[in-house]
Amino acid sequence: MTDTLDDRTETLRDVLERQFVEHTDQLTELTLLSRQRGHGGHDPDTLRRLIEAAQQGVADTAQALKRMSEGTYGVCEGCGRDIPTARLEIRPSARFCVPCQQRG
Protein backbone atom coordinates (compact mmCIF):
# COMPACT_ATOMS: atom_id res chain seq x y z
CA MET A 1 0.00 0.00 0.00
CA THR A 2 1.19 3.48 -0.72
CA ASP A 3 1.18 6.22 1.89
CA THR A 4 -1.74 7.84 0.08
CA LEU A 5 -3.76 4.61 0.15
CA ASP A 6 -2.84 4.04 3.80
CA ASP A 7 -3.95 7.59 4.60
CA ARG A 8 -7.27 7.07 2.79
CA THR A 9 -7.83 3.78 4.58
CA GLU A 10 -7.17 5.41 7.95
CA THR A 11 -9.52 8.26 7.05
CA LEU A 12 -12.22 5.77 6.09
CA ARG A 13 -11.61 3.84 9.33
CA ASP A 14 -12.12 7.07 11.28
CA VAL A 15 -15.34 7.77 9.35
CA LEU A 16 -16.62 4.24 10.00
CA GLU A 17 -15.80 4.45 13.70
CA ARG A 18 -17.68 7.76 13.97
CA GLN A 19 -20.63 6.32 12.04
CA PHE A 20 -20.68 3.29 14.34
CA VAL A 21 -20.89 5.54 17.41
CA GLU A 22 -23.58 7.71 15.78
CA HIS A 23 -25.71 4.69 14.80
CA THR A 24 -25.29 3.15 18.25
CA ASP A 25 -26.27 6.40 19.97
CA GLN A 26 -29.27 6.79 17.67
CA LEU A 27 -30.34 3.19 18.33
CA THR A 28 -30.10 3.75 22.09
CA GLU A 29 -32.17 6.94 21.92
CA LEU A 30 -34.82 5.39 19.70
CA THR A 31 -35.06 2.27 21.85
CA LEU A 32 -35.55 4.37 24.98
CA LEU A 33 -38.15 6.46 23.18
CA SER A 34 -40.03 3.35 22.06
CA ARG A 35 -40.26 2.18 25.68
CA GLN A 36 -41.88 5.40 26.85
CA ARG A 37 -45.60 5.40 27.42
CA GLY A 38 -47.18 6.69 24.23
CA HIS A 39 -43.81 6.43 22.42
CA GLY A 40 -43.07 10.06 23.18
CA GLY A 41 -45.83 11.12 20.80
CA HIS A 42 -44.21 9.32 17.84
CA ASP A 43 -45.96 6.92 15.50
CA PRO A 44 -45.01 3.36 16.60
CA ASP A 45 -44.56 2.14 13.00
CA THR A 46 -42.28 5.05 12.15
CA LEU A 47 -40.32 4.47 15.33
CA ARG A 48 -39.96 0.77 14.52
CA ARG A 49 -38.65 1.58 11.02
CA LEU A 50 -36.16 4.08 12.46
CA ILE A 51 -34.95 1.48 14.96
CA GLU A 52 -34.52 -1.07 12.16
CA ALA A 53 -32.55 1.46 10.10
CA ALA A 54 -30.30 2.26 13.07
CA GLN A 55 -29.76 -1.47 13.71
CA GLN A 56 -28.80 -1.93 10.06
CA GLY A 57 -26.40 1.02 10.30
CA VAL A 58 -24.71 -0.51 13.34
CA ALA A 59 -24.43 -3.88 11.58
CA ASP A 60 -23.13 -2.41 8.31
CA THR A 61 -20.44 -0.31 9.98
CA ALA A 62 -19.40 -3.16 12.29
CA GLN A 63 -19.04 -5.46 9.28
CA ALA A 64 -16.97 -2.87 7.40
CA LEU A 65 -14.65 -2.42 10.39
CA LYS A 66 -14.30 -6.21 10.64
CA ARG A 67 -13.40 -6.41 6.93
CA MET A 68 -10.76 -3.73 7.55
CA SER A 69 -9.20 -5.74 10.36
CA GLU A 70 -9.28 -8.89 8.18
CA GLY A 71 -7.71 -7.10 5.22
CA THR A 72 -10.70 -7.61 2.91
CA TYR A 73 -12.11 -4.08 3.13
CA GLY A 74 -12.67 -2.50 -0.27
CA VAL A 75 -12.97 -5.81 -2.11
CA CYS A 76 -16.32 -6.41 -3.79
CA GLU A 77 -18.14 -9.41 -2.33
CA GLY A 78 -19.75 -10.02 -5.72
CA CYS A 79 -16.90 -10.04 -8.21
CA GLY A 80 -13.78 -9.88 -6.02
CA ARG A 81 -12.47 -6.70 -7.65
CA ASP A 82 -11.46 -3.59 -5.75
CA ILE A 83 -14.30 -1.20 -4.95
CA PRO A 84 -13.31 2.23 -6.29
CA THR A 85 -12.12 4.62 -3.58
CA ALA A 86 -14.66 7.22 -4.73
CA ARG A 87 -17.48 4.78 -3.90
CA LEU A 88 -15.98 3.99 -0.50
CA GLU A 89 -15.66 7.69 0.25
CA ILE A 90 -19.38 8.13 -0.48
CA ARG A 91 -20.46 4.88 1.22
CA PRO A 92 -17.68 3.62 3.50
CA SER A 93 -19.61 0.48 4.44
CA ALA A 94 -20.10 -0.60 0.80
CA ARG A 95 -19.73 -4.34 0.27
CA PHE A 96 -20.19 -4.28 -3.50
CA CYS A 97 -18.96 -2.28 -6.48
CA VAL A 98 -21.68 -0.36 -8.32
CA PRO A 99 -22.21 -2.94 -11.12
CA CYS A 100 -22.60 -5.80 -8.62
CA GLN A 101 -24.86 -3.69 -6.39
CA GLN A 102 -27.08 -2.89 -9.39
CA ARG A 103 -27.31 -6.58 -10.29
CA GLY A 104 -28.59 -7.10 -6.73
PDB file of N, CA and C in Angstrom:
ATOM      1  N   MET A   1       0.837  -1.190   0.000  1.00  0.00           N
ATOM      2  CA  MET A   1       0.000   0.000   0.000  1.00  0.00           C
ATOM      3  C   MET A   1       0.875   1.244   0.000  1.00  0.00           C
ATOM      4  N   THR A   2       0.462   2.216  -0.723  1.00  0.00           N
ATOM      5  CA  THR A   2       1.193   3.478  -0.724  1.00  0.00           C
ATOM      6  C   THR A   2       0.767   4.303   0.478  1.00  0.00           C
ATOM      7  N   ASP A   3       1.557   5.334   0.790  1.00  0.00           N
ATOM      8  CA  ASP A   3       1.184   6.216   1.894  1.00  0.00           C
ATOM      9  C   ASP A   3      -0.185   6.835   1.654  1.00  0.00           C
ATOM     10  N   THR A   4      -0.455   7.211   0.403  1.00  0.00           N
ATOM     11  CA  THR A   4      -1.736   7.837   0.081  1.00  0.00           C
ATOM     12  C   THR A   4      -2.883   6.866   0.339  1.00  0.00           C
ATOM     13  N   LEU A   5      -2.724   5.618  -0.073  1.00  0.00           N
ATOM     14  CA  LEU A   5      -3.759   4.614   0.146  1.00  0.00           C
ATOM     15  C   LEU A   5      -3.903   4.323   1.636  1.00  0.00           C
ATOM     16  N   ASP A   6      -2.785   4.227   2.346  1.00  0.00           N
ATOM     17  CA  ASP A   6      -2.837   4.040   3.800  1.00  0.00           C
ATOM     18  C   ASP A   6      -3.580   5.187   4.465  1.00  0.00           C
ATOM     19  N   ASP A   7      -3.283   6.418   4.033  1.00  0.00           N
ATOM     20  CA  ASP A   7      -3.953   7.593   4.599  1.00  0.00           C
ATOM     21  C   ASP A   7      -5.456   7.539   4.342  1.00  0.00           C
ATOM     22  N   ARG A   8      -5.839   7.157   3.118  1.00  0.00           N
ATOM     23  CA  ARG A   8      -7.267   7.072   2.788  1.00  0.00           C
ATOM     24  C   ARG A   8      -7.949   5.988   3.621  1.00  0.00           C
ATOM     25  N   THR A   9      -7.265   4.864   3.789  1.00  0.00           N
ATOM     26  CA  THR A   9      -7.828   3.779   4.585  1.00  0.00           C
ATOM     27  C   THR A   9      -8.026   4.224   6.030  1.00  0.00           C
ATOM     28  N   GLU A  10      -7.043   4.913   6.579  1.00  0.00           N
ATOM     29  CA  GLU A  10      -7.173   5.413   7.953  1.00  0.00           C
ATOM     30  C   GLU A  10      -8.299   6.439   8.062  1.00  0.00           C
ATOM     31  N   THR A  11      -8.424   7.284   7.056  1.00  0.00           N
ATOM     32  CA  THR A  11      -9.515   8.263   7.055  1.00  0.00           C
ATOM     33  C   THR A  11     -10.859   7.547   7.021  1.00  0.00           C
ATOM     34  N   LEU A  12     -10.976   6.529   6.168  1.00  0.00           N
ATOM     35  CA  LEU A  12     -12.225   5.771   6.087  1.00  0.00           C
ATOM     36  C   LEU A  12     -12.493   5.015   7.387  1.00  0.00           C
ATOM     37  N   ARG A  13     -11.443   4.507   8.032  1.00  0.00           N
ATOM     38  CA  ARG A  13     -11.612   3.839   9.328  1.00  0.00           C
ATOM     39  C   ARG A  13     -12.184   4.829  10.353  1.00  0.00           C
ATOM     40  N   ASP A  14     -11.625   6.036  10.362  1.00  0.00           N
ATOM     41  CA  ASP A  14     -12.125   7.069  11.280  1.00  0.00           C
ATOM     42  C   ASP A  14     -13.596   7.379  11.008  1.00  0.00           C
ATOM     43  N   VAL A  15     -13.943   7.492   9.728  1.00  0.00           N
ATOM     44  CA  VAL A  15     -15.338   7.766   9.351  1.00  0.00           C
ATOM     45  C   VAL A  15     -16.241   6.629   9.829  1.00  0.00           C
ATOM     46  N   LEU A  16     -15.819   5.393   9.589  1.00  0.00           N
ATOM     47  CA  LEU A  16     -16.624   4.241  10.001  1.00  0.00           C
ATOM     48  C   LEU A  16     -16.781   4.180  11.518  1.00  0.00           C
ATOM     49  N   GLU A  17     -15.713   4.471  12.236  1.00  0.00           N
ATOM     50  CA  GLU A  17     -15.800   4.449  13.698  1.00  0.00           C
ATOM     51  C   GLU A  17     -16.769   5.520  14.202  1.00  0.00           C
ATOM     52  N   ARG A  18     -16.731   6.699  13.586  1.00  0.00           N
ATOM     53  CA  ARG A  18     -17.678   7.760  13.965  1.00  0.00           C
ATOM     54  C   ARG A  18     -19.113   7.349  13.628  1.00  0.00           C
ATOM     55  N   GLN A  19     -19.295   6.763  12.439  1.00  0.00           N
ATOM     56  CA  GLN A  19     -20.633   6.323  12.040  1.00  0.00           C
ATOM     57  C   GLN A  19     -21.159   5.246  12.993  1.00  0.00           C
ATOM     58  N   PHE A  20     -20.276   4.344  13.417  1.00  0.00           N
ATOM     59  CA  PHE A  20     -20.683   3.290  14.341  1.00  0.00           C
ATOM     60  C   PHE A  20     -21.206   3.897  15.644  1.00  0.00           C
ATOM     61  N   VAL A  21     -20.472   4.864  16.171  1.00  0.00           N
ATOM     62  CA  VAL A  21     -20.894   5.535  17.408  1.00  0.00           C
ATOM     63  C   VAL A  21     -22.216   6.270  17.191  1.00  0.00           C
ATOM     64  N   GLU A  22     -22.339   6.967  16.068  1.00  0.00           N
ATOM     65  CA  GLU A  22     -23.575   7.706  15.779  1.00  0.00           C
ATOM     66  C   GLU A  22     -24.777   6.770  15.671  1.00  0.00           C
ATOM     67  N   HIS A  23     -24.607   5.657  14.948  1.00  0.00           N
ATOM     68  CA  HIS A  23     -25.708   4.695  14.798  1.00  0.00           C
ATOM     69  C   HIS A  23     -26.062   4.062  16.146  1.00  0.00           C
ATOM     70  N   THR A  24     -25.048   3.747  16.937  1.00  0.00           N
ATOM     71  CA  THR A  24     -25.286   3.151  18.250  1.00  0.00           C
ATOM     72  C   THR A  24     -26.025   4.124  19.159  1.00  0.00           C
ATOM     73  N   ASP A  25     -25.585   5.378  19.164  1.00  0.00           N
ATOM     74  CA  ASP A  25     -26.267   6.399  19.974  1.00  0.00           C
ATOM     75  C   ASP A  25     -27.715   6.578  19.526  1.00  0.00           C
ATOM     76  N   GLN A  26     -27.915   6.622  18.209  1.00  0.00           N
ATOM     77  CA  GLN A  26     -29.268   6.785  17.669  1.00  0.00           C
ATOM     78  C   GLN A  26     -30.145   5.596  18.062  1.00  0.00           C
ATOM     79  N   LEU A  27     -29.588   4.393  17.970  1.00  0.00           N
ATOM     80  CA  LEU A  27     -30.337   3.192  18.333  1.00  0.00           C
ATOM     81  C   LEU A  27     -30.732   3.232  19.810  1.00  0.00           C
ATOM     82  N   THR A  28     -29.813   3.648  20.659  1.00  0.00           N
ATOM     83  CA  THR A  28     -30.103   3.750  22.090  1.00  0.00           C
ATOM     84  C   THR A  28     -31.234   4.742  22.347  1.00  0.00           C
ATOM     85  N   GLU A  29     -31.139   5.911  21.738  1.00  0.00           N
ATOM     86  CA  GLU A  29     -32.172   6.940  21.925  1.00  0.00           C
ATOM     87  C   GLU A  29     -33.538   6.466  21.430  1.00  0.00           C
ATOM     88  N   LEU A  30     -33.553   5.855  20.259  1.00  0.00           N
ATOM     89  CA  LEU A  30     -34.823   5.390  19.696  1.00  0.00           C
ATOM     90  C   LEU A  30     -35.424   4.262  20.528  1.00  0.00           C
ATOM     91  N   THR A  31     -34.577   3.376  21.020  1.00  0.00           N
ATOM     92  CA  THR A  31     -35.060   2.273  21.851  1.00  0.00           C
ATOM     93  C   THR A  31     -35.674   2.805  23.139  1.00  0.00           C
ATOM     94  N   LEU A  32     -35.002   3.760  23.761  1.00  0.00           N
ATOM     95  CA  LEU A  32     -35.550   4.374  24.977  1.00  0.00           C
ATOM     96  C   LEU A  32     -36.874   5.072  24.684  1.00  0.00           C
ATOM     97  N   LEU A  33     -36.929   5.765  23.570  1.00  0.00           N
ATOM     98  CA  LEU A  33     -38.150   6.464  23.175  1.00  0.00           C
ATOM     99  C   LEU A  33     -39.296   5.479  22.954  1.00  0.00           C
ATOM    100  N   SER A  34     -38.983   4.340  22.348  1.00  0.00           N
ATOM    101  CA  SER A  34     -40.026   3.347  22.062  1.00  0.00           C
ATOM    102  C   SER A  34     -40.584   2.721  23.334  1.00  0.00           C
ATOM    103  N   ARG A  35     -39.813   2.768  24.407  1.00  0.00           N
ATOM    104  CA  ARG A  35     -40.258   2.183  25.676  1.00  0.00           C
ATOM    105  C   ARG A  35     -41.086   3.150  26.516  1.00  0.00           C
ATOM    106  N   GLN A  36     -41.085   4.407  26.114  1.00  0.00           N
ATOM    107  CA  GLN A  36     -41.876   5.396  26.850  1.00  0.00           C
ATOM    108  C   GLN A  36     -43.359   5.184  26.584  1.00  0.00           C
ATOM    109  N   ARG A  37     -44.144   5.473  27.591  1.00  0.00           N
ATOM    110  CA  ARG A  37     -45.600   5.396  27.424  1.00  0.00           C
ATOM    111  C   ARG A  37     -45.997   6.350  26.299  1.00  0.00           C
ATOM    112  N   GLY A  38     -46.733   5.862  25.350  1.00  0.00           N
ATOM    113  CA  GLY A  38     -47.181   6.687  24.228  1.00  0.00           C
ATOM    114  C   GLY A  38     -46.081   6.963  23.212  1.00  0.00           C
ATOM    115  N   HIS A  39     -44.930   6.297  23.363  1.00  0.00           N
ATOM    116  CA  HIS A  39     -43.806   6.426  22.417  1.00  0.00           C
ATOM    117  C   HIS A  39     -43.362   7.867  22.230  1.00  0.00           C
ATOM    118  N   GLY A  40     -43.514   8.666  23.266  1.00  0.00           N
ATOM    119  CA  GLY A  40     -43.072  10.059  23.183  1.00  0.00           C
ATOM    120  C   GLY A  40     -43.812  10.848  22.121  1.00  0.00           C
ATOM    121  N   GLY A  41     -45.038  10.413  21.806  1.00  0.00           N
ATOM    122  CA  GLY A  41     -45.829  11.117  20.803  1.00  0.00           C
ATOM    123  C   GLY A  41     -45.480  10.743  19.373  1.00  0.00           C
ATOM    124  N   HIS A  42     -44.619   9.744  19.181  1.00  0.00           N
ATOM    125  CA  HIS A  42     -44.211   9.325  17.839  1.00  0.00           C
ATOM    126  C   HIS A  42     -45.039   8.127  17.379  1.00  0.00           C
ATOM    127  N   ASP A  43     -45.246   8.039  16.096  1.00  0.00           N
ATOM    128  CA  ASP A  43     -45.958   6.919  15.500  1.00  0.00           C
ATOM    129  C   ASP A  43     -45.152   5.640  15.727  1.00  0.00           C
ATOM    130  N   PRO A  44     -45.754   4.596  16.311  1.00  0.00           N
ATOM    131  CA  PRO A  44     -45.013   3.362  16.596  1.00  0.00           C
ATOM    132  C   PRO A  44     -44.401   2.708  15.354  1.00  0.00           C
ATOM    133  N   ASP A  45     -45.102   2.749  14.225  1.00  0.00           N
ATOM    134  CA  ASP A  45     -44.561   2.144  13.000  1.00  0.00           C
ATOM    135  C   ASP A  45     -43.340   2.909  12.496  1.00  0.00           C
ATOM    136  N   THR A  46     -43.423   4.226  12.557  1.00  0.00           N
ATOM    137  CA  THR A  46     -42.280   5.050  12.147  1.00  0.00           C
ATOM    138  C   THR A  46     -41.100   4.799  13.068  1.00  0.00           C
ATOM    139  N   LEU A  47     -41.364   4.728  14.349  1.00  0.00           N
ATOM    140  CA  LEU A  47     -40.318   4.474  15.331  1.00  0.00           C
ATOM    141  C   LEU A  47     -39.666   3.112  15.085  1.00  0.00           C
ATOM    142  N   ARG A  48     -40.480   2.107  14.796  1.00  0.00           N
ATOM    143  CA  ARG A  48     -39.957   0.769  14.516  1.00  0.00           C
ATOM    144  C   ARG A  48     -39.045   0.792  13.291  1.00  0.00           C
ATOM    145  N   ARG A  49     -39.468   1.503  12.241  1.00  0.00           N
ATOM    146  CA  ARG A  49     -38.645   1.583  11.020  1.00  0.00           C
ATOM    147  C   ARG A  49     -37.330   2.311  11.298  1.00  0.00           C
ATOM    148  N   LEU A  50     -37.385   3.358  12.108  1.00  0.00           N
ATOM    149  CA  LEU A  50     -36.159   4.083  12.460  1.00  0.00           C
ATOM    150  C   LEU A  50     -35.212   3.205  13.270  1.00  0.00           C
ATOM    151  N   ILE A  51     -35.773   2.404  14.177  1.00  0.00           N
ATOM    152  CA  ILE A  51     -34.950   1.479  14.962  1.00  0.00           C
ATOM    153  C   ILE A  51     -34.305   0.449  14.044  1.00  0.00           C
ATOM    154  N   GLU A  52     -35.070  -0.091  13.110  1.00  0.00           N
ATOM    155  CA  GLU A  52     -34.524  -1.072  12.161  1.00  0.00           C
ATOM    156  C   GLU A  52     -33.408  -0.459  11.325  1.00  0.00           C
ATOM    157  N   ALA A  53     -33.589   0.782  10.887  1.00  0.00           N
ATOM    158  CA  ALA A  53     -32.551   1.459  10.095  1.00  0.00           C
ATOM    159  C   ALA A  53     -31.294   1.679  10.930  1.00  0.00           C
ATOM    160  N   ALA A  54     -31.460   2.058  12.190  1.00  0.00           N
ATOM    161  CA  ALA A  54     -30.302   2.260  13.066  1.00  0.00           C
ATOM    162  C   ALA A  54     -29.593   0.933  13.327  1.00  0.00           C
ATOM    163  N   GLN A  55     -30.353  -0.146  13.521  1.00  0.00           N
ATOM    164  CA  GLN A  55     -29.757  -1.470  13.706  1.00  0.00           C
ATOM    165  C   GLN A  55     -28.949  -1.875  12.474  1.00  0.00           C
ATOM    166  N   GLN A  56     -29.506  -1.612  11.296  1.00  0.00           N
ATOM    167  CA  GLN A  56     -28.797  -1.935  10.055  1.00  0.00           C
ATOM    168  C   GLN A  56     -27.526  -1.105   9.939  1.00  0.00           C
ATOM    169  N   GLY A  57     -27.584   0.165  10.321  1.00  0.00           N
ATOM    170  CA  GLY A  57     -26.402   1.022  10.296  1.00  0.00           C
ATOM    171  C   GLY A  57     -25.307   0.508  11.207  1.00  0.00           C
ATOM    172  N   VAL A  58     -25.687   0.065  12.412  1.00  0.00           N
ATOM    173  CA  VAL A  58     -24.711  -0.510  13.344  1.00  0.00           C
ATOM    174  C   VAL A  58     -24.087  -1.755  12.721  1.00  0.00           C
ATOM    175  N   ALA A  59     -24.928  -2.639  12.177  1.00  0.00           N
ATOM    176  CA  ALA A  59     -24.433  -3.883  11.585  1.00  0.00           C
ATOM    177  C   ALA A  59     -23.520  -3.615  10.387  1.00  0.00           C
ATOM    178  N   ASP A  60     -23.925  -2.708   9.505  1.00  0.00           N
ATOM    179  CA  ASP A  60     -23.126  -2.406   8.309  1.00  0.00           C
ATOM    180  C   ASP A  60     -21.757  -1.843   8.666  1.00  0.00           C
ATOM    181  N   THR A  61     -21.722  -0.914   9.615  1.00  0.00           N
ATOM    182  CA  THR A  61     -20.436  -0.308   9.978  1.00  0.00           C
ATOM    183  C   THR A  61     -19.569  -1.306  10.730  1.00  0.00           C
ATOM    184  N   ALA A  62     -20.175  -2.135  11.580  1.00  0.00           N
ATOM    185  CA  ALA A  62     -19.404  -3.160  12.294  1.00  0.00           C
ATOM    186  C   ALA A  62     -18.789  -4.148  11.302  1.00  0.00           C
ATOM    187  N   GLN A  63     -19.555  -4.538  10.289  1.00  0.00           N
ATOM    188  CA  GLN A  63     -19.038  -5.465   9.275  1.00  0.00           C
ATOM    189  C   GLN A  63     -17.899  -4.832   8.484  1.00  0.00           C
ATOM    190  N   ALA A  64     -18.032  -3.558   8.149  1.00  0.00           N
ATOM    191  CA  ALA A  64     -16.969  -2.873   7.405  1.00  0.00           C
ATOM    192  C   ALA A  64     -15.692  -2.792   8.236  1.00  0.00           C
ATOM    193  N   LEU A  65     -15.827  -2.480   9.514  1.00  0.00           N
ATOM    194  CA  LEU A  65     -14.649  -2.424  10.389  1.00  0.00           C
ATOM    195  C   LEU A  65     -14.011  -3.808  10.531  1.00  0.00           C
ATOM    196  N   LYS A  66     -14.830  -4.842  10.572  1.00  0.00           N
ATOM    197  CA  LYS A  66     -14.303  -6.213  10.636  1.00  0.00           C
ATOM    198  C   LYS A  66     -13.535  -6.545   9.351  1.00  0.00           C
ATOM    199  N   ARG A  67     -14.103  -6.157   8.194  1.00  0.00           N
ATOM    200  CA  ARG A  67     -13.401  -6.406   6.927  1.00  0.00           C
ATOM    201  C   ARG A  67     -12.065  -5.676   6.900  1.00  0.00           C
ATOM    202  N   MET A  68     -12.028  -4.468   7.483  1.00  0.00           N
ATOM    203  CA  MET A  68     -10.763  -3.732   7.553  1.00  0.00           C
ATOM    204  C   MET A  68      -9.734  -4.509   8.358  1.00  0.00           C
ATOM    205  N   SER A  69     -10.143  -5.017   9.503  1.00  0.00           N
ATOM    206  CA  SER A  69      -9.197  -5.743  10.356  1.00  0.00           C
ATOM    207  C   SER A  69      -8.761  -7.063   9.723  1.00  0.00           C
ATOM    208  N   GLU A  70      -9.602  -7.631   8.868  1.00  0.00           N
ATOM    209  CA  GLU A  70      -9.276  -8.886   8.181  1.00  0.00           C
ATOM    210  C   GLU A  70      -8.512  -8.665   6.881  1.00  0.00           C
ATOM    211  N   GLY A  71      -8.416  -7.405   6.452  1.00  0.00           N
ATOM    212  CA  GLY A  71      -7.706  -7.099   5.218  1.00  0.00           C
ATOM    213  C   GLY A  71      -8.524  -7.290   3.959  1.00  0.00           C
ATOM    214  N   THR A  72      -9.842  -7.419   4.092  1.00  0.00           N
ATOM    215  CA  THR A  72     -10.699  -7.609   2.914  1.00  0.00           C
ATOM    216  C   THR A  72     -11.546  -6.381   2.609  1.00  0.00           C
ATOM    217  N   TYR A  73     -11.338  -5.303   3.351  1.00  0.00           N
ATOM    218  CA  TYR A  73     -12.112  -4.083   3.129  1.00  0.00           C
ATOM    219  C   TYR A  73     -11.803  -3.527   1.746  1.00  0.00           C
ATOM    220  N   GLY A  74     -12.849  -3.097   1.047  1.00  0.00           N
ATOM    221  CA  GLY A  74     -12.668  -2.496  -0.269  1.00  0.00           C
ATOM    222  C   GLY A  74     -12.660  -3.497  -1.407  1.00  0.00           C
ATOM    223  N   VAL A  75     -12.887  -4.775  -1.085  1.00  0.00           N
ATOM    224  CA  VAL A  75     -12.965  -5.812  -2.110  1.00  0.00           C
ATOM    225  C   VAL A  75     -14.440  -6.179  -2.276  1.00  0.00           C
ATOM    226  N   CYS A  76     -14.921  -6.122  -3.500  1.00  0.00           N
ATOM    227  CA  CYS A  76     -16.324  -6.409  -3.791  1.00  0.00           C
ATOM    228  C   CYS A  76     -16.648  -7.864  -3.447  1.00  0.00           C
ATOM    229  N   GLU A  77     -17.716  -8.064  -2.694  1.00  0.00           N
ATOM    230  CA  GLU A  77     -18.139  -9.414  -2.332  1.00  0.00           C
ATOM    231  C   GLU A  77     -18.812 -10.136  -3.492  1.00  0.00           C
ATOM    232  N   GLY A  78     -19.123  -9.409  -4.556  1.00  0.00           N
ATOM    233  CA  GLY A  78     -19.754 -10.017  -5.720  1.00  0.00           C
ATOM    234  C   GLY A  78     -18.754 -10.540  -6.732  1.00  0.00           C
ATOM    235  N   CYS A  79     -17.821  -9.677  -7.126  1.00  0.00           N
ATOM    236  CA  CYS A  79     -16.896 -10.039  -8.208  1.00  0.00           C
ATOM    237  C   CYS A  79     -15.447 -10.185  -7.748  1.00  0.00           C
ATOM    238  N   GLY A  80     -15.138  -9.751  -6.536  1.00  0.00           N
ATOM    239  CA  GLY A  80     -13.779  -9.876  -6.018  1.00  0.00           C
ATOM    240  C   GLY A  80     -12.827  -8.777  -6.451  1.00  0.00           C
ATOM    241  N   ARG A  81     -13.322  -7.819  -7.224  1.00  0.00           N
ATOM    242  CA  ARG A  81     -12.471  -6.699  -7.648  1.00  0.00           C
ATOM    243  C   ARG A  81     -12.476  -5.619  -6.574  1.00  0.00           C
ATOM    244  N   ASP A  82     -11.511  -4.708  -6.682  1.00  0.00           N
ATOM    245  CA  ASP A  82     -11.463  -3.587  -5.747  1.00  0.00           C
ATOM    246  C   ASP A  82     -12.649  -2.657  -5.973  1.00  0.00           C
ATOM    247  N   ILE A  83     -13.241  -2.214  -4.881  1.00  0.00           N
ATOM    248  CA  ILE A  83     -14.301  -1.204  -4.948  1.00  0.00           C
ATOM    249  C   ILE A  83     -13.598   0.136  -5.105  1.00  0.00           C
ATOM    250  N   PRO A  84     -13.970   0.945  -6.092  1.00  0.00           N
ATOM    251  CA  PRO A  84     -13.305   2.234  -6.286  1.00  0.00           C
ATOM    252  C   PRO A  84     -13.348   3.094  -5.016  1.00  0.00           C
ATOM    253  N   THR A  85     -12.236   3.769  -4.766  1.00  0.00           N
ATOM    254  CA  THR A  85     -12.118   4.619  -3.582  1.00  0.00           C
ATOM    255  C   THR A  85     -13.228   5.662  -3.536  1.00  0.00           C
ATOM    256  N   ALA A  86     -13.594   6.208  -4.698  1.00  0.00           N
ATOM    257  CA  ALA A  86     -14.657   7.221  -4.730  1.00  0.00           C
ATOM    258  C   ALA A  86     -15.958   6.659  -4.154  1.00  0.00           C
ATOM    259  N   ARG A  87     -16.262   5.407  -4.452  1.00  0.00           N
ATOM    260  CA  ARG A  87     -17.481   4.780  -3.896  1.00  0.00           C
ATOM    261  C   ARG A  87     -17.348   4.610  -2.388  1.00  0.00           C
ATOM    262  N   LEU A  88     -16.179   4.176  -1.935  1.00  0.00           N
ATOM    263  CA  LEU A  88     -15.976   3.988  -0.499  1.00  0.00           C
ATOM    264  C   LEU A  88     -16.032   5.313   0.256  1.00  0.00           C
ATOM    265  N   GLU A  89     -15.586   6.376  -0.395  1.00  0.00           N
ATOM    266  CA  GLU A  89     -15.656   7.687   0.255  1.00  0.00           C
ATOM    267  C   GLU A  89     -17.108   8.140   0.414  1.00  0.00           C
ATOM    268  N   ILE A  90     -17.957   7.768  -0.542  1.00  0.00           N
ATOM    269  CA  ILE A  90     -19.377   8.127  -0.477  1.00  0.00           C
ATOM    270  C   ILE A  90     -20.125   7.187   0.470  1.00  0.00           C
ATOM    271  N   ARG A  91     -19.803   5.907   0.388  1.00  0.00           N
ATOM    272  CA  ARG A  91     -20.462   4.882   1.217  1.00  0.00           C
ATOM    273  C   ARG A  91     -19.380   3.973   1.804  1.00  0.00           C
ATOM    274  N   PRO A  92     -18.797   4.375   2.928  1.00  0.00           N
ATOM    275  CA  PRO A  92     -17.676   3.623   3.502  1.00  0.00           C
ATOM    276  C   PRO A  92     -17.994   2.170   3.854  1.00  0.00           C
ATOM    277  N   SER A  93     -19.255   1.854   4.083  1.00  0.00           N
ATOM    278  CA  SER A  93     -19.606   0.479   4.443  1.00  0.00           C
ATOM    279  C   SER A  93     -19.968  -0.381   3.228  1.00  0.00           C
ATOM    280  N   ALA A  94     -19.727   0.129   2.021  1.00  0.00           N
ATOM    281  CA  ALA A  94     -20.095  -0.600   0.796  1.00  0.00           C
ATOM    282  C   ALA A  94     -19.434  -1.975   0.758  1.00  0.00           C
ATOM    283  N   ARG A  95     -20.233  -2.976   0.404  1.00  0.00           N
ATOM    284  CA  ARG A  95     -19.730  -4.344   0.266  1.00  0.00           C
ATOM    285  C   ARG A  95     -19.564  -4.737  -1.200  1.00  0.00           C
ATOM    286  N   PHE A  96     -20.179  -3.949  -2.084  1.00  0.00           N
ATOM    287  CA  PHE A  96     -20.186  -4.283  -3.504  1.00  0.00           C
ATOM    288  C   PHE A  96     -19.784  -3.080  -4.342  1.00  0.00           C
ATOM    289  N   CYS A  97     -19.185  -3.338  -5.500  1.00  0.00           N
ATOM    290  CA  CYS A  97     -18.955  -2.278  -6.475  1.00  0.00           C
ATOM    291  C   CYS A  97     -20.322  -1.915  -7.070  1.00  0.00           C
ATOM    292  N   VAL A  98     -20.392  -0.815  -7.785  1.00  0.00           N
ATOM    293  CA  VAL A  98     -21.682  -0.358  -8.323  1.00  0.00           C
ATOM    294  C   VAL A  98     -22.309  -1.393  -9.265  1.00  0.00           C
ATOM    295  N   PRO A  99     -21.567  -1.962 -10.228  1.00  0.00           N
ATOM    296  CA  PRO A  99     -22.212  -2.943 -11.116  1.00  0.00           C
ATOM    297  C   PRO A  99     -22.803  -4.140 -10.363  1.00  0.00           C
ATOM    298  N   CYS A 100     -22.079  -4.663  -9.383  1.00  0.00           N
ATOM    299  CA  CYS A 100     -22.603  -5.804  -8.619  1.00  0.00           C
ATOM    300  C   CYS A 100     -23.792  -5.388  -7.756  1.00  0.00           C
ATOM    301  N   GLN A 101     -23.745  -4.192  -7.197  1.00  0.00           N
ATOM    302  CA  GLN A 101     -24.863  -3.686  -6.392  1.00  0.00           C
ATOM    303  C   GLN A 101     -26.113  -3.548  -7.259  1.00  0.00           C
ATOM    304  N   GLN A 102     -25.935  -3.070  -8.492  1.00  0.00           N
ATOM    305  CA  GLN A 102     -27.078  -2.894  -9.393  1.00  0.00           C
ATOM    306  C   GLN A 102     -27.670  -4.232  -9.822  1.00  0.00           C
ATOM    307  N   ARG A 103     -26.818  -5.243  -9.928  1.00  0.00           N
ATOM    308  CA  ARG A 103     -27.310  -6.580 -10.286  1.00  0.00           C
ATOM    309  C   ARG A 103     -28.130  -7.172  -9.145  1.00  0.00           C
ATOM    310  N   GLY A 104     -27.823  -6.707  -7.916  1.00  0.00           N
ATOM    311  CA  GLY A 104     -28.586  -7.098  -6.728  1.00  0.00           C
ATOM    312  C   GLY A 104     -28.515  -8.521  -6.431  1.00  0.00           C
TER     313      GLY A 104
END
